[in-house]
Protein backbone atom coordinates (compact mmCIF):
# COMPACT_ATOMS: atom_id res chain seq x y z
CA MET A 1 69.72 171.68 83.72
CA ASN A 2 68.77 175.24 84.68
CA SER A 3 71.14 177.61 86.42
CA PRO A 4 70.18 178.72 89.93
CA GLY A 5 67.76 181.63 89.74
CA CYS A 6 66.63 180.74 86.22
CA ARG A 7 63.20 179.34 85.68
CA LYS A 8 62.27 176.75 83.14
CA LEU A 9 59.73 178.00 80.66
CA SER A 10 57.24 175.22 80.30
CA PHE A 11 55.67 176.23 77.01
CA GLY A 12 56.86 175.59 73.48
CA PHE A 13 58.19 178.23 71.10
CA SER A 14 55.12 178.35 68.89
CA LYS A 15 52.67 178.07 71.80
CA LEU A 16 53.90 181.00 73.87
CA PRO A 17 51.00 183.44 74.22
CA MET A 18 51.95 187.11 74.18
CA GLU A 19 49.83 187.61 77.32
CA GLU A 20 52.35 185.49 79.23
CA LEU A 21 54.95 188.25 79.06
CA GLU A 22 53.70 189.91 82.26
CA SER A 23 54.52 186.70 84.11
CA TRP A 24 58.16 187.12 83.02
CA LYS A 25 58.62 190.25 85.12
CA ARG A 26 60.99 189.62 88.01
CA THR A 27 60.13 190.98 91.44
CA HIS A 28 63.47 192.81 91.66
CA GLU A 29 63.07 194.63 88.32
CA THR A 30 62.54 198.36 88.48
CA PRO A 31 59.85 199.89 86.26
CA THR A 32 62.59 201.15 83.91
CA GLU A 33 64.27 197.75 83.71
CA TRP A 34 60.94 196.07 82.99
CA ARG A 35 60.00 198.66 80.35
CA VAL A 36 63.31 198.08 78.51
CA ARG A 37 63.16 194.30 78.82
CA ARG A 38 59.49 194.10 77.88
CA SER A 39 60.20 196.17 74.74
CA PHE A 40 62.91 193.69 73.79
CA LEU A 41 60.63 190.73 74.51
CA GLU A 42 57.76 192.16 72.47
CA LYS A 43 59.99 193.06 69.52
CA ASN A 44 61.57 189.61 69.34
CA PHE A 45 58.67 187.52 70.58
CA ASN A 46 58.34 185.25 67.53
CA LYS A 47 62.02 185.27 66.54
CA LEU A 48 63.59 183.17 69.30
CA HIS A 49 62.93 180.18 71.50
CA PRO A 50 61.45 181.47 74.81
CA GLU A 51 64.45 180.42 76.91
CA ARG A 52 66.87 182.21 74.57
CA LEU A 53 64.57 185.22 74.39
CA GLU A 54 64.44 185.53 78.16
CA CYS A 55 68.20 185.21 78.52
CA LEU A 56 68.97 187.77 75.82
CA SER A 57 66.36 190.15 77.20
CA HIS A 58 68.26 190.28 80.49
CA CYS A 59 71.55 190.77 78.64
CA PHE A 60 70.01 193.57 76.57
CA THR A 61 68.67 195.33 79.66
CA ASN A 62 72.01 195.07 81.48
CA ALA A 63 73.97 196.26 78.44
CA THR A 64 71.57 199.13 77.75
CA LEU A 65 71.03 200.46 81.26
CA TYR A 66 74.23 199.47 83.04
CA LYS A 67 76.73 199.26 80.15
CA VAL A 68 77.53 195.61 80.98
CA LYS A 69 79.69 193.95 78.32
CA TYR A 70 79.20 190.38 77.12
CA PRO A 71 81.19 188.23 74.67
CA ALA A 72 81.29 189.75 71.17
CA LYS A 73 78.77 187.29 69.67
CA VAL A 74 76.23 188.01 72.40
CA MET A 75 76.72 191.78 72.03
CA GLU A 76 76.28 191.45 68.28
CA GLU A 77 73.05 189.49 68.73
CA ILE A 78 71.49 191.80 71.31
CA ASN A 79 72.49 194.88 69.30
CA LEU A 80 70.82 193.43 66.21
CA LEU A 81 67.69 192.28 68.05
CA GLY A 82 67.47 195.49 70.05
CA GLN A 83 67.77 197.93 67.16
CA GLY A 84 65.48 200.87 67.67
CA ILE A 85 64.67 200.11 71.29
CA GLU A 86 67.53 202.06 72.84
CA GLU A 87 66.77 205.08 70.62
CA ALA A 88 63.10 205.00 71.65
CA ILE A 89 64.08 204.83 75.33
CA THR A 90 66.51 207.74 74.96
CA CYS A 91 63.81 209.77 73.21
CA GLU A 92 61.28 208.93 75.93
CA GLN A 93 63.74 209.87 78.68
CA SER A 94 64.56 213.21 77.07
CA LYS A 95 60.83 214.01 76.68
CA ASN A 96 60.24 213.18 80.35
CA SER A 97 63.19 215.26 81.56
CA SER A 98 62.12 218.28 79.48
CA ARG A 99 58.66 218.19 81.10
CA ARG A 100 60.12 218.77 84.57
């Protein structure tokens, strides 16, 4: 059973086409949130079942942008799967702010 607000992904793990990622963007996501989450999705695309990938991508975005804390095992998993993404975002943000 899906939680309210969560959608059931109807495709199998090995059949998920990379092009489908754009359809995962939520209407309420800001461009920054989507950029962070999409980076996580792309990096871990073939590593996790789609439902787990989607869930952890939201956790990663919330932890990265809003400093939300999750249970230790979840934090460990998103930190491992998100290695390098946060650094790239920080670098990108500092480049953009220095251009102003």
